[in-house]
Amino acid sequence: MNAEEDLLSVPPEDGCVDGNAVAGAMSLALGRDATMIVLECAECGDRHRVVETRVYLRCPGMVVRCPACSACEVQLVDRPRRLQLTLMSIRMLELP
């Protein structure tokens, strides 16, 4: 298992913080206030704002999980001279 797979397999009960922890970085990546962005989970259909998600901060980046089913929705990695935002289990991302 590589480091990225290890990060994505972190159990939901293991040291998460709320979505405010990732809102600043997502705001930089998307060019707007990420606190009001609404995500729809592709796994369970739950609709929620970024700040309501569970965020895991272990390296190599931040993983955003659905608050209802814990599906991995977004991975955000700060790389040299770029910010990589990978959308995973998201059916819809609504920008305010």
PDB file of N, CA and C in Angstrom:
ATOM      1  N   MET A   1       0.851  -1.169   0.000  1.00  0.00           N
ATOM      2  CA  MET A   1       0.000   0.000   0.000  1.00  0.00           C
ATOM      3  C   MET A   1       0.901   1.238   0.000  1.00  0.00           C
ATOM      4  N   ASN A   2       0.648   2.168  -0.937  1.00  0.00           N
ATOM      5  CA  ASN A   2       1.450   3.390  -0.968  1.00  0.00           C
ATOM      6  C   ASN A   2       0.873   4.427   0.000  1.00  0.00           C
ATOM      7  N   ALA A   3       1.578   5.549   0.150  1.00  0.00           N
ATOM      8  CA  ALA A   3       1.183   6.568   1.137  1.00  0.00           C
ATOM      9  C   ALA A   3      -0.202   7.132   0.846  1.00  0.00           C
ATOM     10  N   GLU A   4      -0.533   7.328  -0.432  1.00  0.00           N
ATOM     11  CA  GLU A   4      -1.843   7.888  -0.782  1.00  0.00           C
ATOM     12  C   GLU A   4      -2.955   6.914  -0.432  1.00  0.00           C
ATOM     13  N   GLU A   5      -2.771   5.613  -0.745  1.00  0.00           N
ATOM     14  CA  GLU A   5      -3.778   4.618  -0.399  1.00  0.00           C
ATOM     15  C   GLU A   5      -3.945   4.524   1.109  1.00  0.00           C
ATOM     16  N   ASP A   6      -2.828   4.622   1.848  1.00  0.00           N
ATOM     17  CA  ASP A   6      -2.875   4.582   3.302  1.00  0.00           C
ATOM     18  C   ASP A   6      -3.703   5.749   3.836  1.00  0.00           C
ATOM     19  N   LEU A   7      -3.516   6.941   3.273  1.00  0.00           N
ATOM     20  CA  LEU A   7      -4.251   8.123   3.702  1.00  0.00           C
ATOM     21  C   LEU A   7      -5.745   7.958   3.455  1.00  0.00           C
ATOM     22  N   LEU A   8      -6.109   7.391   2.318  1.00  0.00           N
ATOM     23  CA  LEU A   8      -7.522   7.257   1.971  1.00  0.00           C
ATOM     24  C   LEU A   8      -8.217   6.163   2.766  1.00  0.00           C
ATOM     25  N   SER A   9      -7.435   5.281   3.401  1.00  0.00           N
ATOM     26  CA  SER A   9      -8.039   4.195   4.163  1.00  0.00           C
ATOM     27  C   SER A   9      -8.117   4.476   5.657  1.00  0.00           C
ATOM     28  N   VAL A  10      -7.820   5.705   6.070  1.00  0.00           N
ATOM     29  CA  VAL A  10      -7.886   6.069   7.491  1.00  0.00           C
ATOM     30  C   VAL A  10      -9.318   5.879   7.977  1.00  0.00           C
ATOM     31  N   PRO A  11      -9.511   5.164   9.085  1.00  0.00           N
ATOM     32  CA  PRO A  11     -10.871   4.987   9.600  1.00  0.00           C
ATOM     33  C   PRO A  11     -11.495   6.333   9.971  1.00  0.00           C
ATOM     34  N   PRO A  12     -12.800   6.509   9.752  1.00  0.00           N
ATOM     35  CA  PRO A  12     -13.468   7.775  10.023  1.00  0.00           C
ATOM     36  C   PRO A  12     -13.330   8.263  11.461  1.00  0.00           C
ATOM     37  N   GLU A  13     -13.136   7.388  12.436  1.00  0.00           N
ATOM     38  CA  GLU A  13     -13.048   7.800  13.833  1.00  0.00           C
ATOM     39  C   GLU A  13     -11.656   8.273  14.208  1.00  0.00           C
ATOM     40  N   ASP A  14     -10.716   8.217  13.308  1.00  0.00           N
ATOM     41  CA  ASP A  14      -9.307   8.434  13.628  1.00  0.00           C
ATOM     42  C   ASP A  14      -8.848   9.868  13.370  1.00  0.00           C
ATOM     43  N   GLY A  15      -9.042  10.757  14.344  1.00  0.00           N
ATOM     44  CA  GLY A  15      -8.454  12.088  14.318  1.00  0.00           C
ATOM     45  C   GLY A  15      -8.915  13.039  13.238  1.00  0.00           C
ATOM     46  N   CYS A  16     -10.193  13.176  13.027  1.00  0.00           N
ATOM     47  CA  CYS A  16     -10.661  14.115  12.010  1.00  0.00           C
ATOM     48  C   CYS A  16     -10.950  15.474  12.635  1.00  0.00           C
ATOM     49  N   VAL A  17     -10.970  16.495  11.766  1.00  0.00           N
ATOM     50  CA  VAL A  17     -11.374  17.848  12.141  1.00  0.00           C
ATOM     51  C   VAL A  17     -12.507  18.254  11.209  1.00  0.00           C
ATOM     52  N   ASP A  18     -13.159  19.380  11.492  1.00  0.00           N
ATOM     53  CA  ASP A  18     -14.257  19.777  10.611  1.00  0.00           C
ATOM     54  C   ASP A  18     -13.740  20.447   9.338  1.00  0.00           C
ATOM     55  N   GLY A  19     -14.646  20.697   8.409  1.00  0.00           N
ATOM     56  CA  GLY A  19     -14.305  21.223   7.094  1.00  0.00           C
ATOM     57  C   GLY A  19     -13.702  22.607   7.065  1.00  0.00           C
ATOM     58  N   ASN A  20     -13.767  23.339   8.175  1.00  0.00           N
ATOM     59  CA  ASN A  20     -13.105  24.644   8.213  1.00  0.00           C
ATOM     60  C   ASN A  20     -11.603  24.501   7.991  1.00  0.00           C
ATOM     61  N   ALA A  21     -11.051  23.330   8.337  1.00  0.00           N
ATOM     62  CA  ALA A  21      -9.613  23.107   8.191  1.00  0.00           C
ATOM     63  C   ALA A  21      -9.163  23.110   6.733  1.00  0.00           C
ATOM     64  N   VAL A  22     -10.052  22.796   5.813  1.00  0.00           N
ATOM     65  CA  VAL A  22      -9.698  22.735   4.398  1.00  0.00           C
ATOM     66  C   VAL A  22     -10.279  23.907   3.601  1.00  0.00           C
ATOM     67  N   ALA A  23     -11.159  24.687   4.199  1.00  0.00           N
ATOM     68  CA  ALA A  23     -11.861  25.758   3.470  1.00  0.00           C
ATOM     69  C   ALA A  23     -10.905  26.794   2.883  1.00  0.00           C
ATOM     70  N   GLY A  24      -9.871  27.178   3.603  1.00  0.00           N
ATOM     71  CA  GLY A  24      -8.930  28.178   3.096  1.00  0.00           C
ATOM     72  C   GLY A  24      -8.198  27.700   1.862  1.00  0.00           C
ATOM     73  N   ALA A  25      -7.690  26.474   1.910  1.00  0.00           N
ATOM     74  CA  ALA A  25      -6.962  25.918   0.760  1.00  0.00           C
ATOM     75  C   ALA A  25      -7.888  25.730  -0.435  1.00  0.00           C
ATOM     76  N   MET A  26      -9.126  25.278  -0.195  1.00  0.00           N
ATOM     77  CA  MET A  26     -10.079  25.121  -1.303  1.00  0.00           C
ATOM     78  C   MET A  26     -10.469  26.473  -1.881  1.00  0.00           C
ATOM     79  N   SER A  27     -10.556  27.499  -1.033  1.00  0.00           N
ATOM     80  CA  SER A  27     -10.858  28.849  -1.528  1.00  0.00           C
ATOM     81  C   SER A  27      -9.761  29.327  -2.462  1.00  0.00           C
ATOM     82  N   LEU A  28      -8.512  29.061  -2.109  1.00  0.00           N
ATOM     83  CA  LEU A  28      -7.393  29.420  -2.992  1.00  0.00           C
ATOM     84  C   LEU A  28      -7.473  28.669  -4.312  1.00  0.00           C
ATOM     85  N   ALA A  29      -7.761  27.377  -4.249  1.00  0.00           N
ATOM     86  CA  ALA A  29      -7.803  26.548  -5.455  1.00  0.00           C
ATOM     87  C   ALA A  29      -8.953  26.927  -6.383  1.00  0.00           C
ATOM     88  N   LEU A  30     -10.103  27.283  -5.810  1.00  0.00           N
ATOM     89  CA  LEU A  30     -11.300  27.546  -6.614  1.00  0.00           C
ATOM     90  C   LEU A  30     -11.588  29.022  -6.847  1.00  0.00           C
ATOM     91  N   GLY A  31     -10.879  29.895  -6.132  1.00  0.00           N
ATOM     92  CA  GLY A  31     -11.054  31.330  -6.346  1.00  0.00           C
ATOM     93  C   GLY A  31     -12.327  31.914  -5.766  1.00  0.00           C
ATOM     94  N   ARG A  32     -12.946  31.247  -4.811  1.00  0.00           N
ATOM     95  CA  ARG A  32     -14.116  31.767  -4.116  1.00  0.00           C
ATOM     96  C   ARG A  32     -14.213  31.163  -2.734  1.00  0.00           C
ATOM     97  N   ASP A  33     -15.085  31.730  -1.928  1.00  0.00           N
ATOM     98  CA  ASP A  33     -15.251  31.287  -0.548  1.00  0.00           C
ATOM     99  C   ASP A  33     -15.760  29.847  -0.515  1.00  0.00           C
ATOM    100  N   ALA A  34     -14.915  28.942  -0.053  1.00  0.00           N
ATOM    101  CA  ALA A  34     -15.268  27.524  -0.047  1.00  0.00           C
ATOM    102  C   ALA A  34     -16.198  27.137   1.097  1.00  0.00           C
ATOM    103  N   THR A  35     -16.376  28.006   2.089  1.00  0.00           N
ATOM    104  CA  THR A  35     -17.227  27.638   3.220  1.00  0.00           C
ATOM    105  C   THR A  35     -18.679  27.442   2.813  1.00  0.00           C
ATOM    106  N   MET A  36     -19.088  28.064   1.724  1.00  0.00           N
ATOM    107  CA  MET A  36     -20.475  27.961   1.273  1.00  0.00           C
ATOM    108  C   MET A  36     -20.662  26.964   0.129  1.00  0.00           C
ATOM    109  N   ILE A  37     -19.594  26.341  -0.336  1.00  0.00           N
ATOM    110  CA  ILE A  37     -19.704  25.350  -1.409  1.00  0.00           C
ATOM    111  C   ILE A  37     -20.515  24.158  -0.907  1.00  0.00           C
ATOM    112  N   VAL A  38     -21.442  23.691  -1.727  1.00  0.00           N
ATOM    113  CA  VAL A  38     -22.257  22.523  -1.389  1.00  0.00           C
ATOM    114  C   VAL A  38     -21.765  21.350  -2.223  1.00  0.00           C
ATOM    115  N   LEU A  39     -21.548  20.222  -1.553  1.00  0.00           N
ATOM    116  CA  LEU A  39     -21.132  18.990  -2.215  1.00  0.00           C
ATOM    117  C   LEU A  39     -22.281  17.990  -2.141  1.00  0.00           C
ATOM    118  N   GLU A  40     -22.414  17.174  -3.176  1.00  0.00           N
ATOM    119  CA  GLU A  40     -23.357  16.056  -3.132  1.00  0.00           C
ATOM    120  C   GLU A  40     -22.550  14.779  -3.277  1.00  0.00           C
ATOM    121  N   CYS A  41     -22.636  13.921  -2.292  1.00  0.00           N
ATOM    122  CA  CYS A  41     -21.860  12.680  -2.266  1.00  0.00           C
ATOM    123  C   CYS A  41     -22.364  11.710  -3.336  1.00  0.00           C
ATOM    124  N   ALA A  42     -21.450  11.169  -4.118  1.00  0.00           N
ATOM    125  CA  ALA A  42     -21.815  10.210  -5.155  1.00  0.00           C
ATOM    126  C   ALA A  42     -22.157   8.838  -4.567  1.00  0.00           C
ATOM    127  N   GLU A  43     -21.726   8.589  -3.345  1.00  0.00           N
ATOM    128  CA  GLU A  43     -21.980   7.295  -2.714  1.00  0.00           C
ATOM    129  C   GLU A  43     -23.362   7.225  -2.067  1.00  0.00           C
ATOM    130  N   CYS A  44     -23.719   8.243  -1.271  1.00  0.00           N
ATOM    131  CA  CYS A  44     -24.977   8.171  -0.510  1.00  0.00           C
ATOM    132  C   CYS A  44     -26.001   9.241  -0.899  1.00  0.00           C
ATOM    133  N   GLY A  45     -25.584  10.243  -1.688  1.00  0.00           N
ATOM    134  CA  GLY A  45     -26.506  11.298  -2.115  1.00  0.00           C
ATOM    135  C   GLY A  45     -26.681  12.437  -1.131  1.00  0.00           C
ATOM    136  N   ASP A  46     -25.986  12.394   0.001  1.00  0.00           N
ATOM    137  CA  ASP A  46     -26.095  13.466   0.996  1.00  0.00           C
ATOM    138  C   ASP A  46     -25.584  14.778   0.422  1.00  0.00           C
ATOM    139  N   ARG A  47     -26.304  15.873   0.690  1.00  0.00           N
ATOM    140  CA  ARG A  47     -25.875  17.224   0.288  1.00  0.00           C
ATOM    141  C   ARG A  47     -25.421  17.962   1.536  1.00  0.00           C
ATOM    142  N   HIS A  48     -24.246  18.560   1.476  1.00  0.00           N
ATOM    143  CA  HIS A  48     -23.683  19.224   2.646  1.00  0.00           C
ATOM    144  C   HIS A  48     -22.673  20.270   2.209  1.00  0.00           C
ATOM    145  N   ARG A  49     -22.447  21.256   3.095  1.00  0.00           N
ATOM    146  CA  ARG A  49     -21.435  22.269   2.818  1.00  0.00           C
ATOM    147  C   ARG A  49     -20.057  21.717   3.178  1.00  0.00           C
ATOM    148  N   VAL A  50     -19.030  22.288   2.592  1.00  0.00           N
ATOM    149  CA  VAL A  50     -17.653  21.863   2.858  1.00  0.00           C
ATOM    150  C   VAL A  50     -17.359  21.907   4.353  1.00  0.00           C
ATOM    151  N   VAL A  51     -17.826  22.934   5.050  1.00  0.00           N
ATOM    152  CA  VAL A  51     -17.522  23.062   6.483  1.00  0.00           C
ATOM    153  C   VAL A  51     -18.160  21.966   7.331  1.00  0.00           C
ATOM    154  N   GLU A  52     -19.108  21.218   6.780  1.00  0.00           N
ATOM    155  CA  GLU A  52     -19.758  20.127   7.512  1.00  0.00           C
ATOM    156  C   GLU A  52     -19.049  18.784   7.320  1.00  0.00           C
ATOM    157  N   THR A  53     -18.064  18.745   6.450  1.00  0.00           N
ATOM    158  CA  THR A  53     -17.363  17.494   6.169  1.00  0.00           C
ATOM    159  C   THR A  53     -16.377  17.146   7.275  1.00  0.00           C
ATOM    160  N   ARG A  54     -15.845  15.929   7.194  1.00  0.00           N
ATOM    161  CA  ARG A  54     -14.768  15.493   8.082  1.00  0.00           C
ATOM    162  C   ARG A  54     -13.480  15.583   7.285  1.00  0.00           C
ATOM    163  N   VAL A  55     -12.447  16.164   7.875  1.00  0.00           N
ATOM    164  CA  VAL A  55     -11.174  16.361   7.177  1.00  0.00           C
ATOM    165  C   VAL A  55     -10.064  15.657   7.951  1.00  0.00           C
ATOM    166  N   TYR A  56      -9.226  14.954   7.203  1.00  0.00           N
ATOM    167  CA  TYR A  56      -8.074  14.251   7.759  1.00  0.00           C
ATOM    168  C   TYR A  56      -6.825  14.930   7.237  1.00  0.00           C
ATOM    169  N   LEU A  57      -5.932  15.310   8.147  1.00  0.00           N
ATOM    170  CA  LEU A  57      -4.794  16.162   7.806  1.00  0.00           C
ATOM    171  C   LEU A  57      -3.471  15.418   7.689  1.00  0.00           C
ATOM    172  N   ARG A  58      -3.460  14.108   7.726  1.00  0.00           N
ATOM    173  CA  ARG A  58      -2.215  13.357   7.621  1.00  0.00           C
ATOM    174  C   ARG A  58      -1.600  13.540   6.240  1.00  0.00           C
ATOM    175  N   CYS A  59      -0.286  13.517   6.176  1.00  0.00           N
ATOM    176  CA  CYS A  59       0.426  13.653   4.894  1.00  0.00           C
ATOM    177  C   CYS A  59       0.051  12.516   3.972  1.00  0.00           C
ATOM    178  N   PRO A  60       0.066  12.706   2.656  1.00  0.00           N
ATOM    179  CA  PRO A  60       0.620  13.800   1.877  1.00  0.00           C
ATOM    180  C   PRO A  60      -0.351  14.914   1.558  1.00  0.00           C
ATOM    181  N   GLY A  61      -1.467  14.975   2.183  1.00  0.00           N
ATOM    182  CA  GLY A  61      -2.406  16.052   1.895  1.00  0.00           C
ATOM    183  C   GLY A  61      -3.589  15.987   2.837  1.00  0.00           C
ATOM    184  N   MET A  62      -4.681  16.658   2.443  1.00  0.00           N
ATOM    185  CA  MET A  62      -5.903  16.652   3.234  1.00  0.00           C
ATOM    186  C   MET A  62      -6.945  15.823   2.496  1.00  0.00           C
ATOM    187  N   VAL A  63      -7.665  15.002   3.229  1.00  0.00           N
ATOM    188  CA  VAL A  63      -8.734  14.202   2.653  1.00  0.00           C
ATOM    189  C   VAL A  63     -10.045  14.667   3.266  1.00  0.00           C
ATOM    190  N   VAL A  64     -11.014  14.959   2.413  1.00  0.00           N
ATOM    191  CA  VAL A  64     -12.336  15.426   2.827  1.00  0.00           C
ATOM    192  C   VAL A  64     -13.307  14.269   2.657  1.00  0.00           C
ATOM    193  N   ARG A  65     -14.011  13.929   3.744  1.00  0.00           N
ATOM    194  CA  ARG A  65     -14.955  12.805   3.714  1.00  0.00           C
ATOM    195  C   ARG A  65     -16.379  13.282   3.958  1.00  0.00           C
ATOM    196  N   CYS A  66     -17.314  12.576   3.363  1.00  0.00           N
ATOM    197  CA  CYS A  66     -18.741  12.848   3.534  1.00  0.00           C
ATOM    198  C   CYS A  66     -19.109  12.673   5.010  1.00  0.00           C
ATOM    199  N   PRO A  67     -19.867  13.624   5.573  1.00  0.00           N
ATOM    200  CA  PRO A  67     -20.262  13.500   6.974  1.00  0.00           C
ATOM    201  C   PRO A  67     -21.298  12.394   7.214  1.00  0.00           C
ATOM    202  N   ALA A  68     -21.985  11.962   6.162  1.00  0.00           N
ATOM    203  CA  ALA A  68     -23.027  10.950   6.315  1.00  0.00           C
ATOM    204  C   ALA A  68     -22.504   9.522   6.171  1.00  0.00           C
ATOM    205  N   CYS A  69     -21.625   9.284   5.174  1.00  0.00           N
ATOM    206  CA  CYS A  69     -21.193   7.905   4.901  1.00  0.00           C
ATOM    207  C   CYS A  69     -19.677   7.711   4.934  1.00  0.00           C
ATOM    208  N   SER A  70     -18.925   8.783   5.106  1.00  0.00           N
ATOM    209  CA  SER A  70     -17.450   8.750   5.180  1.00  0.00           C
ATOM    210  C   SER A  70     -16.758   8.452   3.858  1.00  0.00           C
ATOM    211  N   ALA A  71     -17.456   8.567   2.734  1.00  0.00           N
ATOM    212  CA  ALA A  71     -16.803   8.390   1.437  1.00  0.00           C
ATOM    213  C   ALA A  71     -15.766   9.488   1.232  1.00  0.00           C
ATOM    214  N   CYS A  72     -14.662   9.164   0.575  1.00  0.00           N
ATOM    215  CA  CYS A  72     -13.624  10.153   0.267  1.00  0.00           C
ATOM    216  C   CYS A  72     -14.117  11.020  -0.886  1.00  0.00           C
ATOM    217  N   GLU A  73     -14.352  12.302  -0.615  1.00  0.00           N
ATOM    218  CA  GLU A  73     -14.903  13.195  -1.632  1.00  0.00           C
ATOM    219  C   GLU A  73     -13.840  14.035  -2.329  1.00  0.00           C
ATOM    220  N   VAL A  74     -12.870  14.533  -1.587  1.00  0.00           N
ATOM    221  CA  VAL A  74     -11.855  15.428  -2.141  1.00  0.00           C
ATOM    222  C   VAL A  74     -10.511  15.105  -1.501  1.00  0.00           C
ATOM    223  N   GLN A  75      -9.464  15.185  -2.310  1.00  0.00           N
ATOM    224  CA  GLN A  75      -8.110  15.142  -1.766  1.00  0.00           C
ATOM    225  C   GLN A  75      -7.416  16.417  -2.225  1.00  0.00           C
ATOM    226  N   LEU A  76      -6.782  17.095  -1.292  1.00  0.00           N
ATOM    227  CA  LEU A  76      -6.094  18.349  -1.581  1.00  0.00           C
ATOM    228  C   LEU A  76      -4.636  18.206  -1.156  1.00  0.00           C
ATOM    229  N   VAL A  77      -3.721  18.397  -2.120  1.00  0.00           N
ATOM    230  CA  VAL A  77      -2.296  18.236  -1.845  1.00  0.00           C
ATOM    231  C   VAL A  77      -1.571  19.503  -2.277  1.00  0.00           C
ATOM    232  N   ASP A  78      -0.771  20.049  -1.370  1.00  0.00           N
ATOM    233  CA  ASP A  78       0.047  21.222  -1.657  1.00  0.00           C
ATOM    234  C   ASP A  78       1.369  20.731  -2.235  1.00  0.00           C
ATOM    235  N   ARG A  79       1.584  20.969  -3.529  1.00  0.00           N
ATOM    236  CA  ARG A  79       2.794  20.542  -4.225  1.00  0.00           C
ATOM    237  C   ARG A  79       3.636  21.781  -4.550  1.00  0.00           C
ATOM    238  N   PRO A  80       4.908  21.588  -4.865  1.00  0.00           N
ATOM    239  CA  PRO A  80       5.731  22.749  -5.227  1.00  0.00           C
ATOM    240  C   PRO A  80       5.100  23.541  -6.384  1.00  0.00           C
ATOM    241  N   ARG A  81       4.849  24.818  -6.154  1.00  0.00           N
ATOM    242  CA  ARG A  81       4.303  25.767  -7.129  1.00  0.00           C
ATOM    243  C   ARG A  81       2.912  25.434  -7.643  1.00  0.00           C
ATOM    244  N   ARG A  82       2.175  24.556  -6.948  1.00  0.00           N
ATOM    245  CA  ARG A  82       0.792  24.270  -7.358  1.00  0.00           C
ATOM    246  C   ARG A  82       0.024  23.609  -6.221  1.00  0.00           C
ATOM    247  N   LEU A  83      -1.267  23.701  -6.317  1.00  0.00           N
ATOM    248  CA  LEU A  83      -2.171  23.082  -5.362  1.00  0.00           C
ATOM    249  C   LEU A  83      -3.006  22.086  -6.156  1.00  0.00           C
ATOM    250  N   GLN A  84      -2.950  20.824  -5.793  1.00  0.00           N
ATOM    251  CA  GLN A  84      -3.656  19.775  -6.526  1.00  0.00           C
ATOM    252  C   GLN A  84      -4.944  19.414  -5.793  1.00  0.00           C
ATOM    253  N   LEU A  85      -6.074  19.597  -6.451  1.00  0.00           N
ATOM    254  CA  LEU A  85      -7.390  19.303  -5.903  1.00  0.00           C
ATOM    255  C   LEU A  85      -7.981  18.162  -6.719  1.00  0.00           C
ATOM    256  N   THR A  86      -8.170  17.005  -6.090  1.00  0.00           N
ATOM    257  CA  THR A  86      -8.706  15.839  -6.774  1.00  0.00           C
ATOM    258  C   THR A  86     -10.114  15.568  -6.267  1.00  0.00           C
ATOM    259  N   LEU A  87     -11.090  15.628  -7.166  1.00  0.00           N
ATOM    260  CA  LEU A  87     -12.477  15.333  -6.814  1.00  0.00           C
ATOM    261  C   LEU A  87     -12.694  13.838  -6.983  1.00  0.00           C
ATOM    262  N   MET A  88     -13.262  13.209  -5.990  1.00  0.00           N
ATOM    263  CA  MET A  88     -13.393  11.758  -6.002  1.00  0.00           C
ATOM    264  C   MET A  88     -14.858  11.336  -5.993  1.00  0.00           C
ATOM    265  N   SER A  89     -15.444  11.136  -4.828  1.00  0.00           N
ATOM    266  CA  SER A  89     -16.829  10.660  -4.723  1.00  0.00           C
ATOM    267  C   SER A  89     -17.802  11.826  -4.624  1.00  0.00           C
ATOM    268  N   ILE A  90     -17.767  12.689  -5.637  1.00  0.00           N
ATOM    269  CA  ILE A  90     -18.674  13.843  -5.665  1.00  0.00           C
ATOM    270  C   ILE A  90     -19.537  13.769  -6.916  1.00  0.00           C
ATOM    271  N   ARG A  91     -20.831  13.783  -6.717  1.00  0.00           N
ATOM    272  CA  ARG A  91     -21.762  13.812  -7.843  1.00  0.00           C
ATOM    273  C   ARG A  91     -21.940  15.244  -8.337  1.00  0.00           C
ATOM    274  N   MET A  92     -21.867  16.209  -7.388  1.00  0.00           N
ATOM    275  CA  MET A  92     -22.090  17.609  -7.746  1.00  0.00           C
ATOM    276  C   MET A  92     -21.344  18.510  -6.775  1.00  0.00           C
ATOM    277  N   LEU A  93     -20.787  19.595  -7.294  1.00  0.00           N
ATOM    278  CA  LEU A  93     -20.151  20.635  -6.496  1.00  0.00           C
ATOM    279  C   LEU A  93     -20.813  21.946  -6.899  1.00  0.00           C
ATOM    280  N   GLU A  94     -21.509  22.572  -5.952  1.00  0.00           N
ATOM    281  CA  GLU A  94     -22.278  23.794  -6.238  1.00  0.00           C
ATOM    282  C   GLU A  94     -21.557  24.999  -5.650  1.00  0.00           C
ATOM    283  N   LEU A  95     -21.131  25.909  -6.529  1.00  0.00           N
ATOM    284  CA  LEU A  95     -20.450  27.122  -6.109  1.00  0.00           C
ATOM    285  C   LEU A  95     -21.478  28.231  -5.900  1.00  0.00           C
ATOM    286  N   PRO A  96     -21.404  28.932  -4.760  1.00  0.00           N
ATOM    287  CA  PRO A  96     -22.382  29.996  -4.488  1.00  0.00           C
ATOM    288  C   PRO A  96     -22.164  31.194  -5.387  1.00  0.00           C
TER     289      PRO A  96
END
